[in-house]
Amino acid sequence: MGDPLGAEATHVLAAGMGGVRTAGDLVLRMQLAHKMRIDEAKAAVAEKLNVSLSDLTDVVVMSEVREDLGIGLCHVEPSAQENNGMEAKFRISQKLGITINSVERFKERAGLK
């Protein structure tokens, strides 16, 4: 069964990184998808996004990276293209090389699989 508070602890750590404001949500996805520890997941995300470990917690840097890659922002930028929701999840899945269930279901229902 494992630790019943394991997911909660992972969420607290990811949310503590700033969640969508920085890279906390991406680190959390890597932890859950590949059963990584937090330091390992941070290193993997930094490598895939081509940023340093310290950049992962920098709101300004990550806002620019997230906007450039179209992987979602938690705030609205008037000049930014709307890359939230499913479109952002598709890009996250592709960029991190992970499976996201809602993306896979969307592909199945749309006949893309």
PDB file of N, CA and C in Angstrom:
ATOM      1  N   MET A   1       0.834  -1.197   0.000  1.00  0.00           N
ATOM      2  CA  MET A   1       0.000   0.000   0.000  1.00  0.00           C
ATOM      3  C   MET A   1       0.868   1.246   0.000  1.00  0.00           C
ATOM      4  N   GLY A   2       1.960   1.236   0.698  1.00  0.00           N
ATOM      5  CA  GLY A   2       2.815   2.417   0.717  1.00  0.00           C
ATOM      6  C   GLY A   2       2.365   3.442   1.738  1.00  0.00           C
ATOM      7  N   ASP A   3       2.973   4.577   1.684  1.00  0.00           N
ATOM      8  CA  ASP A   3       2.690   5.661   2.607  1.00  0.00           C
ATOM      9  C   ASP A   3       1.417   6.391   2.188  1.00  0.00           C
ATOM     10  N   PRO A   4       0.369   6.398   3.008  1.00  0.00           N
ATOM     11  CA  PRO A   4      -0.864   7.069   2.617  1.00  0.00           C
ATOM     12  C   PRO A   4      -0.698   8.586   2.490  1.00  0.00           C
ATOM     13  N   LEU A   5       0.333   9.136   3.093  1.00  0.00           N
ATOM     14  CA  LEU A   5       0.571  10.574   2.982  1.00  0.00           C
ATOM     15  C   LEU A   5       1.671  10.885   1.971  1.00  0.00           C
ATOM     16  N   GLY A   6       2.132   9.882   1.232  1.00  0.00           N
ATOM     17  CA  GLY A   6       3.207  10.082   0.257  1.00  0.00           C
ATOM     18  C   GLY A   6       2.871  11.120  -0.789  1.00  0.00           C
ATOM     19  N   ALA A   7       1.678  11.043  -1.365  1.00  0.00           N
ATOM     20  CA  ALA A   7       1.269  12.010  -2.391  1.00  0.00           C
ATOM     21  C   ALA A   7       1.136  13.402  -1.791  1.00  0.00           C
ATOM     22  N   GLU A   8       0.626  13.469  -0.575  1.00  0.00           N
ATOM     23  CA  GLU A   8       0.480  14.762   0.080  1.00  0.00           C
ATOM     24  C   GLU A   8       1.845  15.405   0.318  1.00  0.00           C
ATOM     25  N   ALA A   9       2.808  14.611   0.771  1.00  0.00           N
ATOM     26  CA  ALA A   9       4.151  15.139   1.022  1.00  0.00           C
ATOM     27  C   ALA A   9       4.778  15.632  -0.272  1.00  0.00           C
ATOM     28  N   THR A  10       4.610  14.870  -1.352  1.00  0.00           N
ATOM     29  CA  THR A  10       5.141  15.273  -2.653  1.00  0.00           C
ATOM     30  C   THR A  10       4.500  16.572  -3.110  1.00  0.00           C
ATOM     31  N   HIS A  11       3.184  16.681  -2.917  1.00  0.00           N
ATOM     32  CA  HIS A  11       2.480  17.898  -3.315  1.00  0.00           C
ATOM     33  C   HIS A  11       2.976  19.108  -2.528  1.00  0.00           C
ATOM     34  N   VAL A  12       3.177  18.934  -1.237  1.00  0.00           N
ATOM     35  CA  VAL A  12       3.657  20.045  -0.402  1.00  0.00           C
ATOM     36  C   VAL A  12       5.019  20.521  -0.893  1.00  0.00           C
ATOM     37  N   LEU A  13       5.901  19.584  -1.213  1.00  0.00           N
ATOM     38  CA  LEU A  13       7.224  19.967  -1.711  1.00  0.00           C
ATOM     39  C   LEU A  13       7.122  20.683  -3.057  1.00  0.00           C
ATOM     40  N   ALA A  14       6.280  20.180  -3.956  1.00  0.00           N
ATOM     41  CA  ALA A  14       6.139  20.806  -5.268  1.00  0.00           C
ATOM     42  C   ALA A  14       5.498  22.182  -5.139  1.00  0.00           C
ATOM     43  N   ALA A  15       4.451  22.264  -4.320  1.00  0.00           N
ATOM     44  CA  ALA A  15       3.784  23.545  -4.129  1.00  0.00           C
ATOM     45  C   ALA A  15       4.737  24.540  -3.479  1.00  0.00           C
ATOM     46  N   GLY A  16       5.620  24.045  -2.621  1.00  0.00           N
ATOM     47  CA  GLY A  16       6.614  24.900  -1.979  1.00  0.00           C
ATOM     48  C   GLY A  16       7.589  25.491  -2.976  1.00  0.00           C
ATOM     49  N   MET A  17       7.781  24.827  -4.129  1.00  0.00           N
ATOM     50  CA  MET A  17       8.642  25.363  -5.180  1.00  0.00           C
ATOM     51  C   MET A  17       7.934  26.453  -5.961  1.00  0.00           C
ATOM     52  N   GLY A  18       6.665  26.625  -5.753  1.00  0.00           N
ATOM     53  CA  GLY A  18       5.934  27.648  -6.477  1.00  0.00           C
ATOM     54  C   GLY A  18       4.925  27.083  -7.453  1.00  0.00           C
ATOM     55  N   GLY A  19       4.812  25.767  -7.549  1.00  0.00           N
ATOM     56  CA  GLY A  19       3.823  25.171  -8.448  1.00  0.00           C
ATOM     57  C   GLY A  19       3.997  25.660  -9.870  1.00  0.00           C
ATOM     58  N   VAL A  20       2.925  26.141 -10.489  1.00  0.00           N
ATOM     59  CA  VAL A  20       2.950  26.613 -11.872  1.00  0.00           C
ATOM     60  C   VAL A  20       3.701  27.940 -11.989  1.00  0.00           C
ATOM     61  N   ARG A  21       3.870  28.653 -10.892  1.00  0.00           N
ATOM     62  CA  ARG A  21       4.621  29.907 -10.955  1.00  0.00           C
ATOM     63  C   ARG A  21       6.072  29.659 -11.330  1.00  0.00           C
ATOM     64  N   THR A  22       6.589  28.504 -10.952  1.00  0.00           N
ATOM     65  CA  THR A  22       7.977  28.169 -11.288  1.00  0.00           C
ATOM     66  C   THR A  22       7.970  26.824 -11.996  1.00  0.00           C
ATOM     67  N   ALA A  23       8.546  25.785 -11.384  1.00  0.00           N
ATOM     68  CA  ALA A  23       8.579  24.460 -12.016  1.00  0.00           C
ATOM     69  C   ALA A  23       8.112  23.363 -11.074  1.00  0.00           C
ATOM     70  N   GLY A  24       7.464  23.725  -9.983  1.00  0.00           N
ATOM     71  CA  GLY A  24       7.026  22.745  -9.003  1.00  0.00           C
ATOM     72  C   GLY A  24       6.100  21.696  -9.576  1.00  0.00           C
ATOM     73  N   ASP A  25       5.188  22.104 -10.457  1.00  0.00           N
ATOM     74  CA  ASP A  25       4.263  21.139 -11.049  1.00  0.00           C
ATOM     75  C   ASP A  25       4.995  20.156 -11.956  1.00  0.00           C
ATOM     76  N   LEU A  26       6.019  20.629 -12.652  1.00  0.00           N
ATOM     77  CA  LEU A  26       6.784  19.766 -13.551  1.00  0.00           C
ATOM     78  C   LEU A  26       7.623  18.767 -12.764  1.00  0.00           C
ATOM     79  N   VAL A  27       8.209  19.238 -11.677  1.00  0.00           N
ATOM     80  CA  VAL A  27       9.001  18.362 -10.813  1.00  0.00           C
ATOM     81  C   VAL A  27       8.093  17.288 -10.214  1.00  0.00           C
ATOM     82  N   LEU A  28       6.909  17.682  -9.761  1.00  0.00           N
ATOM     83  CA  LEU A  28       5.952  16.734  -9.202  1.00  0.00           C
ATOM     84  C   LEU A  28       5.568  15.679 -10.240  1.00  0.00           C
ATOM     85  N   ARG A  29       5.310  16.100 -11.465  1.00  0.00           N
ATOM     86  CA  ARG A  29       4.956  15.145 -12.527  1.00  0.00           C
ATOM     87  C   ARG A  29       6.084  14.132 -12.755  1.00  0.00           C
ATOM     88  N   MET A  30       7.327  14.601 -12.763  1.00  0.00           N
ATOM     89  CA  MET A  30       8.467  13.698 -12.951  1.00  0.00           C
ATOM     90  C   MET A  30       8.590  12.732 -11.772  1.00  0.00           C
ATOM     91  N   GLN A  31       8.384  13.237 -10.553  1.00  0.00           N
ATOM     92  CA  GLN A  31       8.457  12.377  -9.374  1.00  0.00           C
ATOM     93  C   GLN A  31       7.433  11.254  -9.466  1.00  0.00           C
ATOM     94  N   LEU A  32       6.223  11.597  -9.823  1.00  0.00           N
ATOM     95  CA  LEU A  32       5.164  10.610  -9.858  1.00  0.00           C
ATOM     96  C   LEU A  32       5.284   9.677 -11.061  1.00  0.00           C
ATOM     97  N   ALA A  33       5.670  10.210 -12.212  1.00  0.00           N
ATOM     98  CA  ALA A  33       5.754   9.393 -13.425  1.00  0.00           C
ATOM     99  C   ALA A  33       6.917   8.419 -13.400  1.00  0.00           C
ATOM    100  N   HIS A  34       8.032   8.831 -12.825  1.00  0.00           N
ATOM    101  CA  HIS A  34       9.241   8.004 -12.855  1.00  0.00           C
ATOM    102  C   HIS A  34       9.711   7.556 -11.474  1.00  0.00           C
ATOM    103  N   LYS A  35       8.873   7.792 -10.449  1.00  0.00           N
ATOM    104  CA  LYS A  35       9.218   7.401  -9.069  1.00  0.00           C
ATOM    105  C   LYS A  35      10.586   7.941  -8.661  1.00  0.00           C
ATOM    106  N   MET A  36      10.786   9.220  -8.941  1.00  0.00           N
ATOM    107  CA  MET A  36      12.057   9.882  -8.620  1.00  0.00           C
ATOM    108  C   MET A  36      11.966  10.574  -7.272  1.00  0.00           C
ATOM    109  N   ARG A  37      13.101  10.726  -6.648  1.00  0.00           N
ATOM    110  CA  ARG A  37      13.186  11.563  -5.457  1.00  0.00           C
ATOM    111  C   ARG A  37      13.255  13.009  -5.941  1.00  0.00           C
ATOM    112  N   ILE A  38      13.006  13.954  -5.053  1.00  0.00           N
ATOM    113  CA  ILE A  38      12.856  15.341  -5.476  1.00  0.00           C
ATOM    114  C   ILE A  38      14.113  15.909  -6.142  1.00  0.00           C
ATOM    115  N   ASP A  39      15.288  15.634  -5.596  1.00  0.00           N
ATOM    116  CA  ASP A  39      16.517  16.165  -6.193  1.00  0.00           C
ATOM    117  C   ASP A  39      16.755  15.590  -7.589  1.00  0.00           C
ATOM    118  N   GLU A  40      16.455  14.320  -7.743  1.00  0.00           N
ATOM    119  CA  GLU A  40      16.590  13.651  -9.035  1.00  0.00           C
ATOM    120  C   GLU A  40      15.601  14.240 -10.045  1.00  0.00           C
ATOM    121  N   ALA A  41      14.368  14.485  -9.603  1.00  0.00           N
ATOM    122  CA  ALA A  41      13.340  15.054 -10.477  1.00  0.00           C
ATOM    123  C   ALA A  41      13.691  16.486 -10.871  1.00  0.00           C
ATOM    124  N   LYS A  42      14.205  17.264  -9.930  1.00  0.00           N
ATOM    125  CA  LYS A  42      14.613  18.640 -10.246  1.00  0.00           C
ATOM    126  C   LYS A  42      15.706  18.643 -11.313  1.00  0.00           C
ATOM    127  N   ALA A  43      16.682  17.768 -11.158  1.00  0.00           N
ATOM    128  CA  ALA A  43      17.777  17.689 -12.130  1.00  0.00           C
ATOM    129  C   ALA A  43      17.263  17.282 -13.502  1.00  0.00           C
ATOM    130  N   ALA A  44      16.328  16.343 -13.537  1.00  0.00           N
ATOM    131  CA  ALA A  44      15.769  15.886 -14.811  1.00  0.00           C
ATOM    132  C   ALA A  44      14.982  16.999 -15.502  1.00  0.00           C
ATOM    133  N   VAL A  45      14.178  17.733 -14.744  1.00  0.00           N
ATOM    134  CA  VAL A  45      13.396  18.835 -15.318  1.00  0.00           C
ATOM    135  C   VAL A  45      14.322  19.941 -15.806  1.00  0.00           C
ATOM    136  N   ALA A  46      15.314  20.287 -15.017  1.00  0.00           N
ATOM    137  CA  ALA A  46      16.263  21.326 -15.421  1.00  0.00           C
ATOM    138  C   ALA A  46      16.951  20.948 -16.727  1.00  0.00           C
ATOM    139  N   GLU A  47      17.345  19.687 -16.845  1.00  0.00           N
ATOM    140  CA  GLU A  47      17.998  19.228 -18.066  1.00  0.00           C
ATOM    141  C   GLU A  47      17.048  19.292 -19.264  1.00  0.00           C
ATOM    142  N   LYS A  48      15.810  18.846 -19.084  1.00  0.00           N
ATOM    143  CA  LYS A  48      14.847  18.831 -20.192  1.00  0.00           C
ATOM    144  C   LYS A  48      14.449  20.244 -20.625  1.00  0.00           C
ATOM    145  N   LEU A  49      14.433  21.183 -19.673  1.00  0.00           N
ATOM    146  CA  LEU A  49      14.074  22.561 -20.000  1.00  0.00           C
ATOM    147  C   LEU A  49      15.290  23.401 -20.370  1.00  0.00           C
ATOM    148  N   ASN A  50      16.472  22.801 -20.217  1.00  0.00           N
ATOM    149  CA  ASN A  50      17.723  23.488 -20.533  1.00  0.00           C
ATOM    150  C   ASN A  50      17.920  24.746 -19.684  1.00  0.00           C
ATOM    151  N   VAL A  51      17.696  24.578 -18.373  1.00  0.00           N
ATOM    152  CA  VAL A  51      17.910  25.662 -17.412  1.00  0.00           C
ATOM    153  C   VAL A  51      18.733  25.112 -16.251  1.00  0.00           C
ATOM    154  N   SER A  52      19.219  25.990 -15.401  1.00  0.00           N
ATOM    155  CA  SER A  52      19.978  25.543 -14.226  1.00  0.00           C
ATOM    156  C   SER A  52      19.009  25.163 -13.106  1.00  0.00           C
ATOM    157  N   LEU A  53      19.531  24.458 -12.107  1.00  0.00           N
ATOM    158  CA  LEU A  53      18.695  24.085 -10.963  1.00  0.00           C
ATOM    159  C   LEU A  53      18.150  25.317 -10.249  1.00  0.00           C
ATOM    160  N   SER A  54      18.962  26.345 -10.127  1.00  0.00           N
ATOM    161  CA  SER A  54      18.487  27.553  -9.434  1.00  0.00           C
ATOM    162  C   SER A  54      17.412  28.278 -10.235  1.00  0.00           C
ATOM    163  N   ASP A  55      17.433  28.131 -11.563  1.00  0.00           N
ATOM    164  CA  ASP A  55      16.396  28.754 -12.396  1.00  0.00           C
ATOM    165  C   ASP A  55      15.023  28.144 -12.165  1.00  0.00           C
ATOM    166  N   LEU A  56      14.975  26.899 -11.724  1.00  0.00           N
ATOM    167  CA  LEU A  56      13.684  26.234 -11.513  1.00  0.00           C
ATOM    168  C   LEU A  56      12.818  26.937 -10.479  1.00  0.00           C
ATOM    169  N   THR A  57      13.431  27.652  -9.555  1.00  0.00           N
ATOM    170  CA  THR A  57      12.668  28.343  -8.517  1.00  0.00           C
ATOM    171  C   THR A  57      12.605  29.850  -8.738  1.00  0.00           C
ATOM    172  N   ASP A  58      13.101  30.314  -9.870  1.00  0.00           N
ATOM    173  CA  ASP A  58      13.084  31.743 -10.192  1.00  0.00           C
ATOM    174  C   ASP A  58      11.815  32.054 -10.990  1.00  0.00           C
ATOM    175  N   VAL A  59      10.922  32.821 -10.403  1.00  0.00           N
ATOM    176  CA  VAL A  59       9.627  33.114 -11.022  1.00  0.00           C
ATOM    177  C   VAL A  59       9.788  33.808 -12.371  1.00  0.00           C
ATOM    178  N   VAL A  60      10.704  34.744 -12.475  1.00  0.00           N
ATOM    179  CA  VAL A  60      10.886  35.493 -13.717  1.00  0.00           C
ATOM    180  C   VAL A  60      11.412  34.587 -14.826  1.00  0.00           C
ATOM    181  N   VAL A  61      12.468  33.843 -14.537  1.00  0.00           N
ATOM    182  CA  VAL A  61      13.056  32.947 -15.533  1.00  0.00           C
ATOM    183  C   VAL A  61      12.034  31.909 -15.976  1.00  0.00           C
ATOM    184  N   MET A  62      11.367  31.275 -15.021  1.00  0.00           N
ATOM    185  CA  MET A  62      10.429  30.208 -15.367  1.00  0.00           C
ATOM    186  C   MET A  62       9.196  30.738 -16.091  1.00  0.00           C
ATOM    187  N   SER A  63       8.779  31.961 -15.801  1.00  0.00           N
ATOM    188  CA  SER A  63       7.659  32.537 -16.559  1.00  0.00           C
ATOM    189  C   SER A  63       8.042  32.664 -18.028  1.00  0.00           C
ATOM    190  N   GLU A  64       9.262  33.103 -18.274  1.00  0.00           N
ATOM    191  CA  GLU A  64       9.733  33.234 -19.659  1.00  0.00           C
ATOM    192  C   GLU A  64       9.862  31.867 -20.330  1.00  0.00           C
ATOM    193  N   VAL A  65      10.431  30.898 -19.618  1.00  0.00           N
ATOM    194  CA  VAL A  65      10.598  29.549 -20.158  1.00  0.00           C
ATOM    195  C   VAL A  65       9.238  28.931 -20.453  1.00  0.00           C
ATOM    196  N   ARG A  66       8.311  29.040 -19.494  1.00  0.00           N
ATOM    197  CA  ARG A  66       6.985  28.448 -19.667  1.00  0.00           C
ATOM    198  C   ARG A  66       6.247  29.102 -20.832  1.00  0.00           C
ATOM    199  N   GLU A  67       6.381  30.405 -20.969  1.00  0.00           N
ATOM    200  CA  GLU A  67       5.722  31.095 -22.080  1.00  0.00           C
ATOM    201  C   GLU A  67       6.345  30.679 -23.410  1.00  0.00           C
ATOM    202  N   ASP A  68       7.672  30.636 -23.474  1.00  0.00           N
ATOM    203  CA  ASP A  68       8.361  30.246 -24.708  1.00  0.00           C
ATOM    204  C   ASP A  68       7.995  28.829 -25.148  1.00  0.00           C
ATOM    205  N   LEU A  69       7.888  27.910 -24.180  1.00  0.00           N
ATOM    206  CA  LEU A  69       7.593  26.507 -24.490  1.00  0.00           C
ATOM    207  C   LEU A  69       6.092  26.224 -24.582  1.00  0.00           C
ATOM    208  N   GLY A  70       5.280  27.179 -24.151  1.00  0.00           N
ATOM    209  CA  GLY A  70       3.829  26.979 -24.193  1.00  0.00           C
ATOM    210  C   GLY A  70       3.360  25.921 -23.211  1.00  0.00           C
ATOM    211  N   ILE A  71       3.980  25.872 -22.027  1.00  0.00           N
ATOM    212  CA  ILE A  71       3.612  24.846 -21.057  1.00  0.00           C
ATOM    213  C   ILE A  71       2.813  25.411 -19.888  1.00  0.00           C
ATOM    214  N   GLY A  72       2.105  26.495 -20.128  1.00  0.00           N
ATOM    215  CA  GLY A  72       1.174  27.023 -19.149  1.00  0.00           C
ATOM    216  C   GLY A  72       1.759  28.038 -18.193  1.00  0.00           C
ATOM    217  N   LEU A  73       0.939  29.022 -17.889  1.00  0.00           N
ATOM    218  CA  LEU A  73       1.267  30.064 -16.919  1.00  0.00           C
ATOM    219  C   LEU A  73       0.121  30.144 -15.924  1.00  0.00           C
ATOM    220  N   CYS A  74       0.416  30.519 -14.701  1.00  0.00           N
ATOM    221  CA  CYS A  74      -0.675  30.649 -13.729  1.00  0.00           C
ATOM    222  C   CYS A  74      -1.257  32.056 -13.754  1.00  0.00           C
ATOM    223  N   HIS A  75      -0.599  32.951 -14.455  1.00  0.00           N
ATOM    224  CA  HIS A  75      -1.098  34.318 -14.559  1.00  0.00           C
ATOM    225  C   HIS A  75      -1.299  34.651 -16.040  1.00  0.00           C
ATOM    226  N   VAL A  76      -2.163  35.592 -16.301  1.00  0.00           N
ATOM    227  CA  VAL A  76      -2.470  35.956 -17.677  1.00  0.00           C
ATOM    228  C   VAL A  76      -1.504  37.029 -18.150  1.00  0.00           C
ATOM    229  N   GLU A  77      -0.881  36.773 -19.276  1.00  0.00           N
ATOM    230  CA  GLU A  77      -0.005  37.752 -19.911  1.00  0.00           C
ATOM    231  C   GLU A  77      -0.735  38.257 -21.158  1.00  0.00           C
ATOM    232  N   PRO A  78      -0.973  39.559 -21.258  1.00  0.00           N
ATOM    233  CA  PRO A  78      -1.698  40.071 -22.425  1.00  0.00           C
ATOM    234  C   PRO A  78      -1.040  39.709 -23.761  1.00  0.00           C
ATOM    235  N   SER A  79       0.287  39.650 -23.790  1.00  0.00           N
ATOM    236  CA  SER A  79       0.983  39.366 -25.044  1.00  0.00           C
ATOM    237  C   SER A  79       1.166  37.873 -25.289  1.00  0.00           C
ATOM    238  N   ALA A  80       0.916  37.056 -24.267  1.00  0.00           N
ATOM    239  CA  ALA A  80       1.162  35.613 -24.375  1.00  0.00           C
ATOM    240  C   ALA A  80       0.023  34.918 -25.101  1.00  0.00           C
ATOM    241  N   GLN A  81       0.382  33.903 -25.856  1.00  0.00           N
ATOM    242  CA  GLN A  81      -0.643  33.065 -26.451  1.00  0.00           C
ATOM    243  C   GLN A  81      -1.232  32.230 -25.332  1.00  0.00           C
ATOM    244  N   GLU A  82      -2.499  31.909 -25.460  1.00  0.00           N
ATOM    245  CA  GLU A  82      -3.151  31.108 -24.436  1.00  0.00           C
ATOM    246  C   GLU A  82      -2.681  29.665 -24.538  1.00  0.00           C
ATOM    247  N   ASN A  83      -1.777  29.269 -23.679  1.00  0.00           N
ATOM    248  CA  ASN A  83      -1.249  27.906 -23.665  1.00  0.00           C
ATOM    249  C   ASN A  83      -1.548  27.246 -22.338  1.00  0.00           C
ATOM    250  N   ASN A  84      -2.776  27.316 -21.923  1.00  0.00           N
ATOM    251  CA  ASN A  84      -3.166  26.679 -20.676  1.00  0.00           C
ATOM    252  C   ASN A  84      -4.045  25.478 -20.976  1.00  0.00           C
ATOM    253  N   GLY A  85      -4.355  24.701 -19.984  1.00  0.00           N
ATOM    254  CA  GLY A  85      -5.247  23.573 -20.154  1.00  0.00           C
ATOM    255  C   GLY A  85      -4.621  22.435 -20.931  1.00  0.00           C
ATOM    256  N   MET A  86      -5.420  21.828 -21.798  1.00  0.00           N
ATOM    257  CA  MET A  86      -4.983  20.640 -22.526  1.00  0.00           C
ATOM    258  C   MET A  86      -3.795  20.914 -23.435  1.00  0.00           C
ATOM    259  N   GLU A  87      -3.773  22.057 -24.071  1.00  0.00           N
ATOM    260  CA  GLU A  87      -2.651  22.382 -24.962  1.00  0.00           C
ATOM    261  C   GLU A  87      -1.331  22.369 -24.187  1.00  0.00           C
ATOM    262  N   ALA A  88      -1.347  22.948 -23.007  1.00  0.00           N
ATOM    263  CA  ALA A  88      -0.145  22.961 -22.164  1.00  0.00           C
ATOM    264  C   ALA A  88       0.215  21.544 -21.721  1.00  0.00           C
ATOM    265  N   LYS A  89      -0.786  20.740 -21.382  1.00  0.00           N
ATOM    266  CA  LYS A  89      -0.520  19.361 -20.948  1.00  0.00           C
ATOM    267  C   LYS A  89       0.101  18.543 -22.073  1.00  0.00           C
ATOM    268  N   PHE A  90      -0.365  18.730 -23.298  1.00  0.00           N
ATOM    269  CA  PHE A  90       0.231  18.036 -24.438  1.00  0.00           C
ATOM    270  C   PHE A  90       1.714  18.376 -24.539  1.00  0.00           C
ATOM    271  N   ARG A  91       2.022  19.658 -24.407  1.00  0.00           N
ATOM    272  CA  ARG A  91       3.417  20.095 -24.520  1.00  0.00           C
ATOM    273  C   ARG A  91       4.265  19.605 -23.356  1.00  0.00           C
ATOM    274  N   ILE A  92       3.703  19.605 -22.148  1.00  0.00           N
ATOM    275  CA  ILE A  92       4.428  19.107 -20.974  1.00  0.00           C
ATOM    276  C   ILE A  92       4.755  17.633 -21.167  1.00  0.00           C
ATOM    277  N   SER A  93       3.764  16.872 -21.596  1.00  0.00           N
ATOM    278  CA  SER A  93       3.954  15.444 -21.829  1.00  0.00           C
ATOM    279  C   SER A  93       5.074  15.203 -22.835  1.00  0.00           C
ATOM    280  N   GLN A  94       5.067  15.971 -23.902  1.00  0.00           N
ATOM    281  CA  GLN A  94       6.078  15.821 -24.948  1.00  0.00           C
ATOM    282  C   GLN A  94       7.455  16.265 -24.455  1.00  0.00           C
ATOM    283  N   LYS A  95       7.514  17.425 -23.818  1.00  0.00           N
ATOM    284  CA  LYS A  95       8.803  17.986 -23.388  1.00  0.00           C
ATOM    285  C   LYS A  95       9.475  17.131 -22.308  1.00  0.00           C
ATOM    286  N   LEU A  96       8.687  16.630 -21.357  1.00  0.00           N
ATOM    287  CA  LEU A  96       9.259  15.840 -20.263  1.00  0.00           C
ATOM    288  C   LEU A  96       9.350  14.357 -20.608  1.00  0.00           C
ATOM    289  N   GLY A  97       8.694  13.945 -21.679  1.00  0.00           N
ATOM    290  CA  GLY A  97       8.720  12.536 -22.054  1.00  0.00           C
ATOM    291  C   GLY A  97       7.957  11.657 -21.081  1.00  0.00           C
ATOM    292  N   ILE A  98       6.817  12.175 -20.601  1.00  0.00           N
ATOM    293  CA  ILE A  98       6.000  11.418 -19.644  1.00  0.00           C
ATOM    294  C   ILE A  98       4.602  11.210 -20.207  1.00  0.00           C
ATOM    295  N   THR A  99       3.896  10.254 -19.612  1.00  0.00           N
ATOM    296  CA  THR A  99       2.513   9.993 -19.985  1.00  0.00           C
ATOM    297  C   THR A  99       1.611  10.728 -19.011  1.00  0.00           C
ATOM    298  N   ILE A 100       0.683  11.506 -19.549  1.00  0.00           N
ATOM    299  CA  ILE A 100      -0.319  12.193 -18.735  1.00  0.00           C
ATOM    300  C   ILE A 100      -1.663  11.587 -19.130  1.00  0.00           C
ATOM    301  N   ASN A 101      -2.359  11.002 -18.163  1.00  0.00           N
ATOM    302  CA  ASN A 101      -3.589  10.269 -18.454  1.00  0.00           C
ATOM    303  C   ASN A 101      -4.615  11.085 -19.235  1.00  0.00           C
ATOM    304  N   SER A 102      -4.840  12.338 -18.858  1.00  0.00           N
ATOM    305  CA  SER A 102      -5.845  13.133 -19.553  1.00  0.00           C
ATOM    306  C   SER A 102      -5.450  13.384 -21.008  1.00  0.00           C
ATOM    307  N   VAL A 103      -4.169  13.501 -21.278  1.00  0.00           N
ATOM    308  CA  VAL A 103      -3.690  13.673 -22.657  1.00  0.00           C
ATOM    309  C   VAL A 103      -3.943  12.395 -23.449  1.00  0.00           C
ATOM    310  N   GLU A 104      -3.644  11.257 -22.846  1.00  0.00           N
ATOM    311  CA  GLU A 104      -3.855   9.979 -23.532  1.00  0.00           C
ATOM    312  C   GLU A 104      -5.334   9.734 -23.806  1.00  0.00           C
ATOM    313  N   ARG A 105      -6.205  10.047 -22.833  1.00  0.00           N
ATOM    314  CA  ARG A 105      -7.651   9.898 -23.044  1.00  0.00           C
ATOM    315  C   ARG A 105      -8.131  10.840 -24.145  1.00  0.00           C
ATOM    316  N   PHE A 106      -7.625  12.060 -24.162  1.00  0.00           N
ATOM    317  CA  PHE A 106      -8.009  13.028 -25.182  1.00  0.00           C
ATOM    318  C   PHE A 106      -7.634  12.497 -26.585  1.00  0.00           C
ATOM    319  N   LYS A 107      -6.406  11.956 -26.695  1.00  0.00           N
ATOM    320  CA  LYS A 107      -5.953  11.402 -27.967  1.00  0.00           C
ATOM    321  C   LYS A 107      -6.846  10.252 -28.425  1.00  0.00           C
ATOM    322  N   GLU A 108      -7.214   9.366 -27.478  1.00  0.00           N
ATOM    323  CA  GLU A 108      -8.070   8.231 -27.817  1.00  0.00           C
ATOM    324  C   GLU A 108      -9.430   8.696 -28.324  1.00  0.00           C
ATOM    325  N   ARG A 109     -10.027   9.624 -27.606  1.00  0.00           N
ATOM    326  CA  ARG A 109     -11.371  10.101 -27.970  1.00  0.00           C
ATOM    327  C   ARG A 109     -11.366  10.915 -29.254  1.00  0.00           C
ATOM    328  N   ALA A 110     -10.238  11.565 -29.535  1.00  0.00           N
ATOM    329  CA  ALA A 110     -10.132  12.379 -30.761  1.00  0.00           C
ATOM    330  C   ALA A 110      -9.659  11.534 -31.950  1.00  0.00           C
ATOM    331  N   GLY A 111      -9.362  10.259 -31.691  1.00  0.00           N
ATOM    332  CA  GLY A 111      -8.899   9.387 -32.761  1.00  0.00           C
ATOM    333  C   GLY A 111      -7.481   9.681 -33.201  1.00  0.00           C
ATOM    334  N   LEU A 112      -6.671  10.231 -32.308  1.00  0.00           N
ATOM    335  CA  LEU A 112      -5.286  10.563 -32.620  1.00  0.00           C
ATOM    336  C   LEU A 112      -4.333   9.439 -32.266  1.00  0.00           C
ATOM    337  N   LYS A 113      -4.848   8.373 -31.694  1.00  0.00           N
ATOM    338  CA  LYS A 113      -4.009   7.267 -31.237  1.00  0.00           C
ATOM    339  C   LYS A 113      -4.223   6.049 -32.070  1.00  0.00           C
TER     340      LYS A 113
END
